[in-house]
Amino acid sequence: MKRISISFLMILLMAGVVYAKEDAKMKDTFSVIHSRKSVRIFTGEPVSKTDLDKIIRAGMAAPTAVNMQPWSFIAITERKILDDLSEGLPYAKMLTKAGAAIIVCTEPDKAHGKSKDMAIIDASLAGENILLAIEALGLGGVWTAAFPYADRMKHVRTVLKIPEEVIPLNVIAIGVSTGQDKPKDKYNKEKIHWERS
């Protein structure tokens, strides 16, 4: 059996410490879920492409009917595009201070049974994963609807040159929160029914 050098063991040990430190920074699943909130007040600081990639990967990990994955994602970091999007979206004015945005799109022809409903459900699940990933990274985000509003979808399609067969479901603003937005406790035991309604 070959001897493992001490320097190799030190490298392994150091790698373990780095991973442990990274894991320690991450919130546990329930903390992420319960601390997620709609953040509309951003500092204007940028969001890294590394973080955006992690966020989109989380979106792609969502459940999807028959694993059809009818979604696609447009990541925006350019200030002019963020500003242009905000101009035609009445509830997305925070984009002018956001560091980035992700537009979750879906394509009915690529969904199970070519169903528009399935396409929207799948993309919505991806959108929720994105919001949770944003929270897990210590950033803030908010879902702003494009679908089902014809004027908003048209504006997003025009700014981003999205083909007509692709539905821009939402524009998720992402950035560094000022800390002013807080999570809401939405638990309501009256909404829970055991065994029957």
N, C-alpha and C. Protein backbone atom coordinates (compact mmCIF):
# COMPACT_ATOMS: atom_id res chain seq x y z
N MET A 1 0.84 -1.19 0.00
CA MET A 1 0.00 0.00 0.00
C MET A 1 0.88 1.25 0.00
N LYS A 2 0.61 2.19 -0.91
CA LYS A 2 1.44 3.39 -1.01
C LYS A 2 1.19 4.30 0.18
N ARG A 3 2.26 4.98 0.57
CA ARG A 3 2.11 5.94 1.67
C ARG A 3 1.55 7.25 1.12
N ILE A 4 0.61 7.82 1.85
CA ILE A 4 0.06 9.13 1.46
C ILE A 4 0.93 10.19 2.12
N SER A 5 1.40 11.13 1.31
CA SER A 5 2.29 12.16 1.85
C SER A 5 1.54 13.08 2.80
N ILE A 6 2.32 13.64 3.74
CA ILE A 6 1.73 14.56 4.72
C ILE A 6 1.17 15.79 4.03
N SER A 7 1.84 16.26 2.98
CA SER A 7 1.35 17.45 2.28
C SER A 7 -0.01 17.18 1.62
N PHE A 8 -0.19 15.96 1.08
CA PHE A 8 -1.47 15.60 0.48
C PHE A 8 -2.56 15.56 1.54
N LEU A 9 -2.25 15.00 2.70
CA LEU A 9 -3.21 14.97 3.80
C LEU A 9 -3.58 16.37 4.25
N MET A 10 -2.60 17.28 4.25
CA MET A 10 -2.87 18.68 4.63
C MET A 10 -3.82 19.34 3.63
N ILE A 11 -3.61 19.04 2.34
CA ILE A 11 -4.50 19.60 1.30
C ILE A 11 -5.93 19.10 1.52
N LEU A 12 -6.07 17.81 1.79
CA LEU A 12 -7.41 17.26 2.04
C LEU A 12 -8.06 17.90 3.26
N LEU A 13 -7.28 18.06 4.31
CA LEU A 13 -7.78 18.67 5.54
C LEU A 13 -8.21 20.11 5.29
N MET A 14 -7.39 20.87 4.57
CA MET A 14 -7.72 22.27 4.27
C MET A 14 -8.98 22.36 3.42
N ALA A 15 -9.11 21.45 2.44
CA ALA A 15 -10.31 21.44 1.60
C ALA A 15 -11.54 21.19 2.47
N GLY A 16 -11.43 20.28 3.41
CA GLY A 16 -12.55 20.00 4.32
C GLY A 16 -12.92 21.21 5.14
N VAL A 17 -11.94 21.96 5.59
CA VAL A 17 -12.20 23.17 6.37
C VAL A 17 -12.91 24.22 5.52
N VAL A 18 -12.47 24.38 4.26
CA VAL A 18 -13.11 25.35 3.36
C VAL A 18 -14.57 24.98 3.15
N TYR A 19 -14.84 23.69 2.86
CA TYR A 19 -16.23 23.26 2.67
C TYR A 19 -17.04 23.45 3.94
N ALA A 20 -16.47 23.15 5.08
CA ALA A 20 -17.18 23.31 6.35
C ALA A 20 -17.53 24.78 6.58
N LYS A 21 -16.58 25.68 6.25
CA LYS A 21 -16.86 27.12 6.42
C LYS A 21 -17.97 27.57 5.48
N GLU A 22 -17.94 27.09 4.22
CA GLU A 22 -19.00 27.45 3.28
C GLU A 22 -20.34 26.93 3.74
N ASP A 23 -20.37 25.67 4.21
CA ASP A 23 -21.62 25.09 4.71
C ASP A 23 -22.15 25.85 5.91
N ALA A 24 -21.24 26.32 6.77
CA ALA A 24 -21.65 27.04 7.98
C ALA A 24 -22.34 28.35 7.62
N LYS A 25 -21.96 28.96 6.47
CA LYS A 25 -22.58 30.22 6.04
C LYS A 25 -23.99 30.00 5.50
N MET A 26 -24.25 28.82 4.96
CA MET A 26 -25.54 28.54 4.35
C MET A 26 -26.59 28.27 5.43
N LYS A 27 -27.80 28.77 5.18
CA LYS A 27 -28.90 28.53 6.11
C LYS A 27 -29.46 27.13 5.87
N ASP A 28 -30.08 26.55 6.90
CA ASP A 28 -30.74 25.28 6.69
C ASP A 28 -32.04 25.52 5.91
N THR A 29 -32.61 24.47 5.38
CA THR A 29 -33.76 24.56 4.48
C THR A 29 -34.93 25.31 5.10
N PHE A 30 -35.30 24.97 6.33
CA PHE A 30 -36.45 25.62 6.95
C PHE A 30 -36.19 27.11 7.22
N SER A 31 -34.96 27.45 7.58
CA SER A 31 -34.61 28.86 7.78
C SER A 31 -34.75 29.64 6.49
N VAL A 32 -34.30 29.05 5.39
CA VAL A 32 -34.42 29.71 4.09
C VAL A 32 -35.89 29.93 3.74
N ILE A 33 -36.69 28.88 3.89
CA ILE A 33 -38.12 28.98 3.54
C ILE A 33 -38.81 30.05 4.37
N HIS A 34 -38.56 30.05 5.68
CA HIS A 34 -39.29 30.97 6.56
C HIS A 34 -38.71 32.39 6.57
N SER A 35 -37.48 32.56 6.09
CA SER A 35 -36.92 33.92 6.04
C SER A 35 -37.07 34.55 4.65
N ARG A 36 -37.55 33.77 3.67
CA ARG A 36 -37.76 34.33 2.33
C ARG A 36 -38.81 35.43 2.39
N LYS A 37 -38.53 36.51 1.72
CA LYS A 37 -39.48 37.62 1.67
C LYS A 37 -39.36 38.32 0.32
N SER A 38 -40.35 39.11 -0.02
CA SER A 38 -40.29 39.90 -1.24
C SER A 38 -39.49 41.16 -0.95
N VAL A 39 -38.31 41.22 -1.56
CA VAL A 39 -37.43 42.38 -1.34
C VAL A 39 -37.60 43.35 -2.50
N ARG A 40 -37.99 44.57 -2.17
CA ARG A 40 -38.21 45.60 -3.19
C ARG A 40 -37.27 46.79 -3.02
N ILE A 41 -36.49 46.78 -1.94
CA ILE A 41 -35.59 47.92 -1.68
C ILE A 41 -34.16 47.40 -1.68
N PHE A 42 -33.43 47.78 -2.74
CA PHE A 42 -32.07 47.30 -2.95
C PHE A 42 -31.06 48.43 -2.79
N THR A 43 -29.81 48.03 -2.53
CA THR A 43 -28.73 49.01 -2.36
C THR A 43 -28.16 49.50 -3.69
N GLY A 44 -28.40 48.75 -4.76
CA GLY A 44 -27.82 49.09 -6.06
C GLY A 44 -26.53 48.35 -6.35
N GLU A 45 -26.04 47.57 -5.38
CA GLU A 45 -24.81 46.80 -5.59
C GLU A 45 -25.04 45.71 -6.63
N PRO A 46 -23.98 45.35 -7.37
CA PRO A 46 -24.13 44.31 -8.40
C PRO A 46 -24.29 42.92 -7.79
N VAL A 47 -24.77 42.00 -8.62
CA VAL A 47 -24.86 40.58 -8.26
C VAL A 47 -23.92 39.84 -9.20
N SER A 48 -23.10 38.96 -8.64
CA SER A 48 -22.09 38.29 -9.46
C SER A 48 -22.71 37.23 -10.38
N LYS A 49 -22.03 37.00 -11.50
CA LYS A 49 -22.48 35.95 -12.42
C LYS A 49 -22.36 34.58 -11.78
N THR A 50 -21.41 34.43 -10.86
CA THR A 50 -21.28 33.16 -10.12
C THR A 50 -22.54 32.89 -9.31
N ASP A 51 -23.03 33.92 -8.59
CA ASP A 51 -24.26 33.76 -7.82
C ASP A 51 -25.46 33.52 -8.73
N LEU A 52 -25.52 34.23 -9.85
CA LEU A 52 -26.64 34.05 -10.78
C LEU A 52 -26.65 32.62 -11.34
N ASP A 53 -25.48 32.08 -11.61
CA ASP A 53 -25.40 30.70 -12.09
C ASP A 53 -25.92 29.73 -11.03
N LYS A 54 -25.53 29.93 -9.78
CA LYS A 54 -26.03 29.08 -8.69
C LYS A 54 -27.56 29.17 -8.58
N ILE A 55 -28.07 30.37 -8.72
CA ILE A 55 -29.51 30.60 -8.61
C ILE A 55 -30.26 29.90 -9.74
N ILE A 56 -29.75 30.02 -10.96
CA ILE A 56 -30.40 29.39 -12.11
C ILE A 56 -30.32 27.87 -12.01
N ARG A 57 -29.19 27.35 -11.54
CA ARG A 57 -29.06 25.91 -11.33
C ARG A 57 -30.13 25.40 -10.36
N ALA A 58 -30.41 26.20 -9.33
CA ALA A 58 -31.47 25.83 -8.38
C ALA A 58 -32.82 25.82 -9.07
N GLY A 59 -33.05 26.79 -9.95
CA GLY A 59 -34.29 26.81 -10.72
C GLY A 59 -34.45 25.56 -11.56
N MET A 60 -33.36 25.12 -12.18
CA MET A 60 -33.40 23.95 -13.04
C MET A 60 -33.54 22.63 -12.27
N ALA A 61 -33.38 22.69 -10.95
CA ALA A 61 -33.55 21.50 -10.12
C ALA A 61 -35.01 21.27 -9.72
N ALA A 62 -35.90 22.17 -10.15
CA ALA A 62 -37.32 22.07 -9.78
C ALA A 62 -37.98 20.85 -10.42
N PRO A 63 -39.08 20.37 -9.80
CA PRO A 63 -39.84 19.30 -10.43
C PRO A 63 -40.46 19.78 -11.74
N THR A 64 -40.64 18.85 -12.66
CA THR A 64 -41.23 19.19 -13.95
C THR A 64 -41.96 17.96 -14.49
N ALA A 65 -43.16 18.15 -14.99
CA ALA A 65 -43.98 17.03 -15.46
C ALA A 65 -43.26 16.22 -16.53
N VAL A 66 -43.10 14.92 -16.28
CA VAL A 66 -42.44 13.98 -17.18
C VAL A 66 -41.04 14.47 -17.56
N ASN A 67 -40.44 15.26 -16.68
CA ASN A 67 -39.09 15.79 -16.87
C ASN A 67 -38.91 16.50 -18.21
N MET A 68 -39.94 17.22 -18.66
CA MET A 68 -39.87 17.89 -19.96
C MET A 68 -39.07 19.19 -19.92
N GLN A 69 -39.01 19.83 -18.75
CA GLN A 69 -38.20 21.05 -18.58
C GLN A 69 -38.49 22.10 -19.67
N PRO A 70 -39.71 22.61 -19.73
CA PRO A 70 -40.05 23.55 -20.80
C PRO A 70 -39.57 24.98 -20.53
N TRP A 71 -38.78 25.14 -19.49
CA TRP A 71 -38.35 26.47 -19.08
C TRP A 71 -37.07 26.93 -19.78
N SER A 72 -36.85 28.23 -19.72
CA SER A 72 -35.56 28.84 -20.06
C SER A 72 -35.44 30.10 -19.20
N PHE A 73 -34.23 30.59 -19.07
CA PHE A 73 -33.97 31.68 -18.14
C PHE A 73 -33.10 32.74 -18.82
N ILE A 74 -33.46 33.99 -18.63
CA ILE A 74 -32.64 35.09 -19.15
C ILE A 74 -32.09 35.84 -17.94
N ALA A 75 -30.78 35.88 -17.81
CA ALA A 75 -30.13 36.60 -16.71
C ALA A 75 -29.68 37.97 -17.21
N ILE A 76 -30.04 38.99 -16.47
CA ILE A 76 -29.73 40.37 -16.86
C ILE A 76 -28.88 41.02 -15.78
N THR A 77 -27.76 41.61 -16.18
CA THR A 77 -26.94 42.39 -15.25
C THR A 77 -26.69 43.80 -15.78
N GLU A 78 -26.98 44.04 -17.05
CA GLU A 78 -26.72 45.36 -17.65
C GLU A 78 -27.73 46.38 -17.14
N ARG A 79 -27.22 47.49 -16.64
CA ARG A 79 -28.06 48.53 -16.05
C ARG A 79 -29.11 49.04 -17.04
N LYS A 80 -28.73 49.29 -18.29
CA LYS A 80 -29.69 49.84 -19.25
C LYS A 80 -30.86 48.90 -19.48
N ILE A 81 -30.58 47.60 -19.57
CA ILE A 81 -31.67 46.64 -19.80
C ILE A 81 -32.58 46.57 -18.58
N LEU A 82 -32.00 46.57 -17.39
CA LEU A 82 -32.81 46.57 -16.16
C LEU A 82 -33.71 47.80 -16.13
N ASP A 83 -33.15 48.96 -16.48
CA ASP A 83 -33.92 50.21 -16.49
C ASP A 83 -35.02 50.16 -17.56
N ASP A 84 -34.68 49.64 -18.75
CA ASP A 84 -35.67 49.54 -19.82
C ASP A 84 -36.83 48.62 -19.42
N LEU A 85 -36.52 47.51 -18.76
CA LEU A 85 -37.58 46.61 -18.30
C LEU A 85 -38.49 47.31 -17.29
N SER A 86 -37.90 48.07 -16.38
CA SER A 86 -38.70 48.73 -15.33
C SER A 86 -39.69 49.73 -15.91
N GLU A 87 -39.36 50.32 -17.04
CA GLU A 87 -40.22 51.36 -17.63
C GLU A 87 -41.60 50.85 -18.02
N GLY A 88 -41.70 49.60 -18.46
CA GLY A 88 -42.99 49.09 -18.91
C GLY A 88 -43.64 48.10 -17.96
N LEU A 89 -43.06 47.97 -16.77
CA LEU A 89 -43.61 47.03 -15.78
C LEU A 89 -44.01 47.80 -14.53
N PRO A 90 -45.32 48.00 -14.32
CA PRO A 90 -45.77 48.88 -13.24
C PRO A 90 -45.35 48.46 -11.84
N TYR A 91 -45.13 47.16 -11.63
CA TYR A 91 -44.77 46.70 -10.29
C TYR A 91 -43.32 46.22 -10.21
N ALA A 92 -42.50 46.69 -11.15
CA ALA A 92 -41.09 46.29 -11.16
C ALA A 92 -40.17 47.51 -11.19
N LYS A 93 -40.61 48.58 -10.58
CA LYS A 93 -39.78 49.80 -10.56
C LYS A 93 -38.50 49.60 -9.76
N MET A 94 -38.48 48.60 -8.87
CA MET A 94 -37.27 48.33 -8.08
C MET A 94 -36.11 47.86 -8.95
N LEU A 95 -36.37 47.49 -10.20
CA LEU A 95 -35.30 47.06 -11.10
C LEU A 95 -34.24 48.14 -11.29
N THR A 96 -34.62 49.40 -11.10
CA THR A 96 -33.65 50.49 -11.27
C THR A 96 -32.57 50.46 -10.19
N LYS A 97 -32.82 49.75 -9.08
CA LYS A 97 -31.83 49.62 -8.00
C LYS A 97 -31.35 48.18 -7.82
N ALA A 98 -31.97 47.25 -8.54
CA ALA A 98 -31.57 45.85 -8.43
C ALA A 98 -30.21 45.65 -9.09
N GLY A 99 -29.47 44.65 -8.61
CA GLY A 99 -28.18 44.35 -9.21
C GLY A 99 -28.30 43.43 -10.42
N ALA A 100 -29.44 42.74 -10.53
CA ALA A 100 -29.65 41.79 -11.62
C ALA A 100 -31.13 41.42 -11.68
N ALA A 101 -31.47 40.66 -12.69
CA ALA A 101 -32.81 40.09 -12.80
C ALA A 101 -32.71 38.77 -13.54
N ILE A 102 -33.64 37.88 -13.22
CA ILE A 102 -33.80 36.65 -13.98
C ILE A 102 -35.23 36.61 -14.48
N ILE A 103 -35.37 36.41 -15.78
CA ILE A 103 -36.68 36.26 -16.38
C ILE A 103 -36.89 34.76 -16.58
N VAL A 104 -37.93 34.24 -15.96
CA VAL A 104 -38.27 32.82 -16.12
C VAL A 104 -39.25 32.73 -17.29
N CYS A 105 -38.87 31.97 -18.29
CA CYS A 105 -39.71 31.80 -19.48
C CYS A 105 -40.15 30.35 -19.59
N THR A 106 -41.19 30.13 -20.36
CA THR A 106 -41.65 28.76 -20.59
C THR A 106 -42.24 28.64 -21.99
N GLU A 107 -42.20 27.42 -22.50
CA GLU A 107 -42.64 27.18 -23.87
C GLU A 107 -43.62 26.01 -23.91
N PRO A 108 -44.92 26.30 -24.08
CA PRO A 108 -45.92 25.23 -24.06
C PRO A 108 -45.61 24.06 -24.98
N ASP A 109 -45.06 24.31 -26.16
CA ASP A 109 -44.77 23.22 -27.10
C ASP A 109 -43.73 22.24 -26.56
N LYS A 110 -42.98 22.66 -25.54
CA LYS A 110 -41.95 21.79 -24.97
C LYS A 110 -42.40 21.15 -23.66
N ALA A 111 -43.61 21.46 -23.23
CA ALA A 111 -44.14 20.91 -21.97
C ALA A 111 -44.83 19.57 -22.22
N HIS A 112 -45.09 18.84 -21.15
CA HIS A 112 -45.80 17.57 -21.24
C HIS A 112 -47.16 17.78 -21.90
N GLY A 113 -47.41 17.03 -22.95
CA GLY A 113 -48.68 17.15 -23.67
C GLY A 113 -48.83 18.46 -24.40
N LYS A 114 -47.73 19.19 -24.58
CA LYS A 114 -47.76 20.54 -25.20
C LYS A 114 -48.79 21.43 -24.50
N SER A 115 -48.89 21.24 -23.19
CA SER A 115 -49.90 21.94 -22.40
C SER A 115 -49.36 23.27 -21.86
N LYS A 116 -50.10 24.34 -22.12
CA LYS A 116 -49.74 25.66 -21.58
C LYS A 116 -49.79 25.63 -20.06
N ASP A 117 -50.82 24.98 -19.51
CA ASP A 117 -50.94 24.89 -18.05
C ASP A 117 -49.73 24.19 -17.44
N MET A 118 -49.33 23.06 -18.03
CA MET A 118 -48.16 22.33 -17.52
C MET A 118 -46.90 23.19 -17.61
N ALA A 119 -46.75 23.89 -18.72
CA ALA A 119 -45.58 24.75 -18.93
C ALA A 119 -45.50 25.81 -17.84
N ILE A 120 -46.63 26.42 -17.52
CA ILE A 120 -46.67 27.48 -16.51
C ILE A 120 -46.42 26.91 -15.12
N ILE A 121 -47.00 25.75 -14.82
CA ILE A 121 -46.76 25.12 -13.52
C ILE A 121 -45.28 24.80 -13.35
N ASP A 122 -44.68 24.17 -14.36
CA ASP A 122 -43.26 23.81 -14.28
C ASP A 122 -42.39 25.04 -14.06
N ALA A 123 -42.64 26.09 -14.84
CA ALA A 123 -41.83 27.30 -14.73
C ALA A 123 -42.05 28.01 -13.39
N SER A 124 -43.27 27.91 -12.86
CA SER A 124 -43.55 28.51 -11.55
C SER A 124 -42.76 27.81 -10.45
N LEU A 125 -42.67 26.47 -10.55
CA LEU A 125 -41.87 25.73 -9.58
C LEU A 125 -40.40 26.14 -9.66
N ALA A 126 -39.90 26.34 -10.88
CA ALA A 126 -38.53 26.81 -11.05
C ALA A 126 -38.36 28.20 -10.45
N GLY A 127 -39.38 29.05 -10.61
CA GLY A 127 -39.33 30.40 -10.05
C GLY A 127 -39.24 30.40 -8.53
N GLU A 128 -39.99 29.49 -7.89
CA GLU A 128 -39.92 29.40 -6.43
C GLU A 128 -38.54 28.92 -5.98
N ASN A 129 -37.97 27.94 -6.69
CA ASN A 129 -36.61 27.51 -6.35
C ASN A 129 -35.62 28.67 -6.47
N ILE A 130 -35.81 29.49 -7.48
CA ILE A 130 -34.94 30.66 -7.67
C ILE A 130 -35.06 31.61 -6.48
N LEU A 131 -36.27 31.87 -6.04
CA LEU A 131 -36.47 32.77 -4.89
C LEU A 131 -35.82 32.20 -3.63
N LEU A 132 -35.91 30.90 -3.43
CA LEU A 132 -35.29 30.28 -2.26
C LEU A 132 -33.77 30.32 -2.35
N ALA A 133 -33.23 30.11 -3.55
CA ALA A 133 -31.78 30.18 -3.74
C ALA A 133 -31.26 31.58 -3.48
N ILE A 134 -32.02 32.58 -3.90
CA ILE A 134 -31.64 33.98 -3.65
C ILE A 134 -31.52 34.22 -2.15
N GLU A 135 -32.51 33.75 -1.41
CA GLU A 135 -32.51 33.90 0.05
C GLU A 135 -31.33 33.15 0.67
N ALA A 136 -31.08 31.92 0.19
CA ALA A 136 -29.99 31.10 0.74
C ALA A 136 -28.63 31.77 0.56
N LEU A 137 -28.48 32.55 -0.51
CA LEU A 137 -27.22 33.24 -0.77
C LEU A 137 -27.10 34.57 -0.02
N GLY A 138 -28.13 34.91 0.75
CA GLY A 138 -28.10 36.17 1.49
C GLY A 138 -28.45 37.38 0.66
N LEU A 139 -29.07 37.15 -0.49
CA LEU A 139 -29.50 38.24 -1.36
C LEU A 139 -31.00 38.45 -1.20
N GLY A 140 -31.54 39.45 -1.87
CA GLY A 140 -32.98 39.69 -1.84
C GLY A 140 -33.55 39.55 -3.24
N GLY A 141 -34.80 39.14 -3.32
CA GLY A 141 -35.45 39.00 -4.61
C GLY A 141 -36.95 39.17 -4.51
N VAL A 142 -37.56 39.47 -5.64
CA VAL A 142 -39.02 39.58 -5.69
C VAL A 142 -39.51 39.15 -7.06
N TRP A 143 -40.59 38.35 -7.07
CA TRP A 143 -41.26 37.91 -8.29
C TRP A 143 -42.17 39.04 -8.75
N THR A 144 -41.98 39.53 -9.97
CA THR A 144 -42.92 40.49 -10.55
C THR A 144 -43.51 39.83 -11.79
N ALA A 145 -44.81 39.87 -11.90
CA ALA A 145 -45.51 39.11 -12.95
C ALA A 145 -45.40 39.78 -14.30
N ALA A 146 -45.14 38.97 -15.32
CA ALA A 146 -45.34 39.36 -16.71
C ALA A 146 -46.63 38.66 -17.17
N PHE A 147 -46.64 37.32 -17.08
CA PHE A 147 -47.84 36.53 -17.35
C PHE A 147 -48.82 36.72 -16.20
N PRO A 148 -50.11 36.86 -16.44
CA PRO A 148 -50.87 36.70 -17.67
C PRO A 148 -51.22 38.02 -18.37
N TYR A 149 -50.50 39.07 -18.07
CA TYR A 149 -50.83 40.40 -18.57
C TYR A 149 -50.23 40.63 -19.95
N ALA A 150 -51.08 40.80 -20.95
CA ALA A 150 -50.63 40.93 -22.35
C ALA A 150 -49.66 42.10 -22.52
N ASP A 151 -49.95 43.24 -21.90
CA ASP A 151 -49.09 44.42 -22.08
C ASP A 151 -47.72 44.22 -21.45
N ARG A 152 -47.67 43.56 -20.30
CA ARG A 152 -46.39 43.32 -19.64
C ARG A 152 -45.56 42.29 -20.41
N MET A 153 -46.22 41.22 -20.86
CA MET A 153 -45.50 40.21 -21.65
C MET A 153 -44.95 40.84 -22.94
N LYS A 154 -45.75 41.69 -23.57
CA LYS A 154 -45.31 42.35 -24.80
C LYS A 154 -44.08 43.20 -24.54
N HIS A 155 -44.09 43.94 -23.42
CA HIS A 155 -42.96 44.80 -23.09
C HIS A 155 -41.69 43.97 -22.86
N VAL A 156 -41.80 42.89 -22.09
CA VAL A 156 -40.64 42.04 -21.82
C VAL A 156 -40.13 41.40 -23.12
N ARG A 157 -41.07 40.92 -23.95
CA ARG A 157 -40.68 40.34 -25.24
C ARG A 157 -39.94 41.35 -26.11
N THR A 158 -40.44 42.58 -26.14
CA THR A 158 -39.83 43.62 -26.98
C THR A 158 -38.42 43.97 -26.50
N VAL A 159 -38.27 44.21 -25.20
CA VAL A 159 -36.97 44.60 -24.65
C VAL A 159 -35.94 43.48 -24.83
N LEU A 160 -36.37 42.23 -24.64
CA LEU A 160 -35.42 41.12 -24.64
C LEU A 160 -35.45 40.28 -25.92
N LYS A 161 -36.27 40.71 -26.89
CA LYS A 161 -36.36 40.00 -28.18
C LYS A 161 -36.74 38.51 -27.99
N ILE A 162 -37.76 38.29 -27.18
CA ILE A 162 -38.24 36.93 -26.91
C ILE A 162 -39.25 36.54 -27.99
N PRO A 163 -39.11 35.36 -28.58
CA PRO A 163 -40.07 34.93 -29.61
C PRO A 163 -41.49 34.80 -29.06
N GLU A 164 -42.46 34.95 -29.94
CA GLU A 164 -43.88 34.94 -29.56
C GLU A 164 -44.31 33.63 -28.90
N GLU A 165 -43.70 32.49 -29.31
CA GLU A 165 -44.11 31.20 -28.75
C GLU A 165 -43.60 30.96 -27.33
N VAL A 166 -42.72 31.84 -26.86
CA VAL A 166 -42.15 31.72 -25.51
C VAL A 166 -42.88 32.67 -24.58
N ILE A 167 -43.33 32.17 -23.44
CA ILE A 167 -44.04 32.99 -22.45
C ILE A 167 -43.05 33.51 -21.42
N PRO A 168 -42.88 34.84 -21.32
CA PRO A 168 -42.10 35.38 -20.20
C PRO A 168 -42.99 35.39 -18.96
N LEU A 169 -42.76 34.44 -18.07
CA LEU A 169 -43.64 34.25 -16.92
C LEU A 169 -43.50 35.38 -15.91
N ASN A 170 -42.25 35.72 -15.61
CA ASN A 170 -42.01 36.74 -14.59
C ASN A 170 -40.66 37.41 -14.79
N VAL A 171 -40.46 38.47 -14.07
CA VAL A 171 -39.16 39.13 -13.99
C VAL A 171 -38.82 39.15 -12.50
N ILE A 172 -37.78 38.41 -12.12
CA ILE A 172 -37.39 38.34 -10.71
C ILE A 172 -36.23 39.31 -10.50
N ALA A 173 -36.51 40.39 -9.77
CA ALA A 173 -35.47 41.35 -9.43
C ALA A 173 -34.60 40.77 -8.33
N ILE A 174 -33.29 40.94 -8.44
CA ILE A 174 -32.34 40.37 -7.48
C ILE A 174 -31.32 41.44 -7.09
N GLY A 175 -30.99 41.48 -5.82
CA GLY A 175 -29.97 42.43 -5.40
C GLY A 175 -29.62 42.29 -3.94
N VAL A 176 -28.82 43.22 -3.49
CA VAL A 176 -28.46 43.29 -2.07
C VAL A 176 -29.54 44.10 -1.38
N SER A 177 -30.18 43.48 -0.40
CA SER A 177 -31.27 44.13 0.32
C SER A 177 -30.73 45.18 1.28
N THR A 178 -31.49 46.25 1.46
CA THR A 178 -31.13 47.25 2.48
C THR A 178 -31.48 46.74 3.88
N GLY A 179 -32.26 45.66 3.95
CA GLY A 179 -32.68 45.11 5.23
C GLY A 179 -34.04 45.63 5.69
N GLN A 180 -34.64 46.51 4.89
CA GLN A 180 -35.94 47.08 5.27
C GLN A 180 -37.10 46.10 5.07
N ASP A 181 -36.98 45.24 4.06
CA ASP A 181 -38.05 44.28 3.80
C ASP A 181 -37.91 43.09 4.75
N LYS A 182 -39.01 42.70 5.37
CA LYS A 182 -39.00 41.62 6.37
C LYS A 182 -39.94 40.50 5.96
N PRO A 183 -39.66 39.26 6.39
CA PRO A 183 -40.58 38.16 6.09
C PRO A 183 -41.89 38.29 6.85
N LYS A 184 -42.95 37.73 6.28
CA LYS A 184 -44.26 37.74 6.94
C LYS A 184 -44.55 36.34 7.46
N ASP A 185 -45.17 36.25 8.62
CA ASP A 185 -45.61 34.95 9.13
C ASP A 185 -46.98 34.66 8.53
N LYS A 186 -47.01 33.73 7.60
CA LYS A 186 -48.26 33.43 6.90
C LYS A 186 -48.95 32.17 7.42
N TYR A 187 -48.43 31.60 8.50
CA TYR A 187 -49.03 30.39 9.04
C TYR A 187 -50.44 30.66 9.54
N ASN A 188 -51.38 29.83 9.12
CA ASN A 188 -52.77 29.97 9.54
C ASN A 188 -53.35 28.57 9.72
N LYS A 189 -53.52 28.14 10.95
CA LYS A 189 -53.98 26.77 11.20
C LYS A 189 -55.38 26.50 10.66
N GLU A 190 -56.18 27.56 10.44
CA GLU A 190 -57.52 27.38 9.88
C GLU A 190 -57.47 26.91 8.43
N LYS A 191 -56.33 27.05 7.78
CA LYS A 191 -56.18 26.63 6.38
C LYS A 191 -55.77 25.16 6.28
N ILE A 192 -55.56 24.50 7.43
CA ILE A 192 -55.12 23.11 7.43
C ILE A 192 -56.30 22.19 7.75
N HIS A 193 -56.48 21.18 6.93
CA HIS A 193 -57.56 20.20 7.13
C HIS A 193 -56.92 18.82 7.24
N TRP A 194 -57.24 18.08 8.29
CA TRP A 194 -56.68 16.74 8.49
C TRP A 194 -57.68 15.71 8.01
N GLU A 195 -57.25 14.84 7.17
CA GLU A 195 -57.98 13.69 6.64
C GLU A 195 -59.13 14.05 5.68
N ARG A 196 -59.83 15.15 5.89
CA ARG A 196 -60.89 15.57 4.98
C ARG A 196 -61.06 17.09 5.09
N SER A 197 -61.74 17.70 4.12
CA SER A 197 -61.88 19.17 4.15
C SER A 197 -63.05 19.62 5.01
